[in-house]
C-alpha atoms as a PDB file:
ATOM      1  CA  UNK A   1      10.805  -2.651   4.418  1.00  0.00           C
ATOM      2  CA  UNK A   2      13.129  -1.509   1.651  1.00  0.00           C
ATOM      3  CA  UNK A   3      16.611  -0.012   1.641  1.00  0.00           C
ATOM      4  CA  UNK A   4      18.744   1.555  -1.022  1.00  0.00           C
ATOM      5  CA  UNK A   5      21.532  -0.629  -2.424  1.00  0.00           C
ATOM      6  CA  UNK A   6      19.687  -3.870  -1.715  1.00  0.00           C
ATOM      7  CA  UNK A   7      18.179  -6.383  -4.086  1.00  0.00           C
ATOM      8  CA  UNK A   8      14.622  -5.686  -5.137  1.00  0.00           C
ATOM      9  CA  UNK A   9      13.026  -8.659  -3.428  1.00  0.00           C
ATOM     10  CA  UNK A  10       9.702  -9.395  -1.826  1.00  0.00           C
ATOM     11  CA  UNK A  11       6.177  -9.031  -3.070  1.00  0.00           C
ATOM     12  CA  UNK A  12       5.317  -6.044  -0.888  1.00  0.00           C
ATOM     13  CA  UNK A  13       7.677  -3.580  -2.541  1.00  0.00           C
ATOM     14  CA  UNK A  14       6.248  -0.804  -4.667  1.00  0.00           C
ATOM     15  CA  UNK A  15       7.017  -1.774  -8.279  1.00  0.00           C
ATOM     16  CA  UNK A  16       7.430   1.901  -9.218  1.00  0.00           C
ATOM     17  CA  UNK A  17      10.749   1.918  -7.345  1.00  0.00           C
ATOM     18  CA  UNK A  18      12.316  -0.048 -10.196  1.00  0.00           C
ATOM     19  CA  UNK A  19      11.385   2.739 -12.598  1.00  0.00           C
ATOM     20  CA  UNK A  20      11.990   5.847 -10.532  1.00  0.00           C
ATOM     21  CA  UNK A  21      14.998   4.568  -8.585  1.00  0.00           C
ATOM     22  CA  UNK A  22      15.712   4.204  -4.896  1.00  0.00           C
ATOM     23  CA  UNK A  23      17.089   7.737  -4.711  1.00  0.00           C
ATOM     24  CA  UNK A  24      13.458   8.931  -5.002  1.00  0.00           C
ATOM     25  CA  UNK A  25      12.333   6.622  -2.185  1.00  0.00           C
ATOM     26  CA  UNK A  26       9.940   8.198   0.345  1.00  0.00           C
ATOM     27  CA  UNK A  27       7.284   7.315   2.905  1.00  0.00           C
ATOM     28  CA  UNK A  28       4.733   6.655   0.154  1.00  0.00           C
ATOM     29  CA  UNK A  29       6.684   3.546  -0.797  1.00  0.00           C
ATOM     30  CA  UNK A  30       6.454   2.313   2.800  1.00  0.00           C
ATOM     31  CA  UNK A  31       2.723   3.109   2.740  1.00  0.00           C
ATOM     32  CA  UNK A  32       2.385   0.848  -0.318  1.00  0.00           C
ATOM     33  CA  UNK A  33       3.803  -2.105   1.630  1.00  0.00           C
ATOM     34  CA  UNK A  34       2.027  -1.229   4.878  1.00  0.00           C
ATOM     35  CA  UNK A  35      -1.319  -1.135   3.074  1.00  0.00           C
ATOM     36  CA  UNK A  36      -0.826  -4.756   2.023  1.00  0.00           C
ATOM     37  CA  UNK A  37       0.142  -5.797   5.550  1.00  0.00           C
ATOM     38  CA  UNK A  38      -2.947  -4.091   7.021  1.00  0.00           C
ATOM     39  CA  UNK A  39      -5.140  -5.707   4.371  1.00  0.00           C
ATOM     40  CA  UNK A  40      -3.779  -9.154   5.273  1.00  0.00           C
ATOM     41  CA  UNK A  41      -4.188  -8.599   9.021  1.00  0.00           C
ATOM     42  CA  UNK A  42      -7.757  -7.364   8.654  1.00  0.00           C
ATOM     43  CA  UNK A  43      -8.963  -9.922   6.089  1.00  0.00           C
ATOM     44  CA  UNK A  44      -6.592 -12.880   6.311  1.00  0.00           C
ATOM     45  CA  UNK A  45      -6.296 -12.693   2.523  1.00  0.00           C
ATOM     46  CA  UNK A  46      -3.253 -12.096   0.359  1.00  0.00           C
ATOM     47  CA  UNK A  47      -4.957 -11.713  -3.026  1.00  0.00           C
ATOM     48  CA  UNK A  48      -6.156  -8.141  -3.437  1.00  0.00           C
ATOM     49  CA  UNK A  49      -7.621  -8.737  -6.890  1.00  0.00           C
ATOM     50  CA  UNK A  50     -10.785 -10.543  -5.797  1.00  0.00           C
ATOM     51  CA  UNK A  51     -12.066  -8.051  -3.238  1.00  0.00           C
ATOM     52  CA  UNK A  52     -15.716  -7.137  -3.756  1.00  0.00           C
ATOM     53  CA  UNK A  53     -16.117  -4.910  -0.684  1.00  0.00           C
ATOM     54  CA  UNK A  54     -16.063  -1.302  -2.051  1.00  0.00           C
ATOM     55  CA  UNK A  55     -14.776   0.178   1.206  1.00  0.00           C
ATOM     56  CA  UNK A  56     -11.776  -2.164   1.257  1.00  0.00           C
ATOM     57  CA  UNK A  57     -11.086  -1.487  -2.425  1.00  0.00           C
ATOM     58  CA  UNK A  58     -10.980   2.240  -1.678  1.00  0.00           C
ATOM     59  CA  UNK A  59      -8.494   1.631   1.136  1.00  0.00           C
ATOM     60  CA  UNK A  60      -6.260  -0.427  -1.160  1.00  0.00           C
ATOM     61  CA  UNK A  61      -6.449   2.155  -3.938  1.00  0.00           C
ATOM     62  CA  UNK A  62      -5.572   4.943  -1.513  1.00  0.00           C
ATOM     63  CA  UNK A  63      -2.571   3.116  -0.099  1.00  0.00           C
ATOM     64  CA  UNK A  64      -1.286   1.468  -3.271  1.00  0.00           C
ATOM     65  CA  UNK A  65      -2.232   3.764  -6.130  1.00  0.00           C
ATOM     66  CA  UNK A  66       0.410   3.758  -8.869  1.00  0.00           C
ATOM     67  CA  UNK A  67      -0.107   7.516  -9.193  1.00  0.00           C
ATOM     68  CA  UNK A  68       1.752   8.939  -6.195  1.00  0.00           C
ATOM     69  CA  UNK A  69      -0.407  12.059  -6.354  1.00  0.00           C
ATOM     70  CA  UNK A  70      -3.419   9.868  -5.510  1.00  0.00           C
ATOM     71  CA  UNK A  71      -1.656   7.695  -2.912  1.00  0.00           C
ATOM     72  CA  UNK A  72      -1.668   8.489   0.819  1.00  0.00           C
ATOM     73  CA  UNK A  73       1.152  10.911   1.533  1.00  0.00           C
ATOM     74  CA  UNK A  74       1.351  10.389   5.297  1.00  0.00           C
ATOM     75  CA  UNK A  75       0.623   7.670   7.809  1.00  0.00           C
ATOM     76  CA  UNK A  76      -2.028   9.963   9.279  1.00  0.00           C
ATOM     77  CA  UNK A  77      -3.873   9.995   5.942  1.00  0.00           C
ATOM     78  CA  UNK A  78      -3.690   6.195   5.744  1.00  0.00           C
ATOM     79  CA  UNK A  79      -4.884   5.916   9.353  1.00  0.00           C
ATOM     80  CA  UNK A  80      -7.879   8.120   8.568  1.00  0.00           C
ATOM     81  CA  UNK A  81      -8.799   5.958   5.554  1.00  0.00           C
ATOM     82  CA  UNK A  82      -8.277   2.804   7.668  1.00  0.00           C
ATOM     83  CA  UNK A  83     -10.708   4.102  10.299  1.00  0.00           C
ATOM     84  CA  UNK A  84     -13.317   4.828   7.627  1.00  0.00           C
ATOM     85  CA  UNK A  85     -13.023   1.353   6.072  1.00  0.00           C
ATOM     86  CA  UNK A  86     -15.670  -1.320   6.630  1.00  0.00           C
ATOM     87  CA  UNK A  87     -13.518  -4.416   7.127  1.00  0.00           C
ATOM     88  CA  UNK A  88     -16.360  -6.928   7.146  1.00  0.00           C
ATOM     89  CA  UNK A  89     -16.089  -9.155   4.092  1.00  0.00           C
END
């Protein structure tokens, strides 16, 4: 979803990449974008700010947390959180 030496475009990119630089790019930045894609597929919604379902909020926080220490570190971790999420809104 993102490559080094390209323009920073698109709303799915992790904004922290602008600060830390693309040389520090890792799978957690892909997880950030993937979390948004999964959210859209499962809910049909783009706006993550108006979600009242606690389970979905936890999923979003786990996949998009600005603190990389609190963000999913692997796709397996994100998959586990996805499976535990109640997607009914």
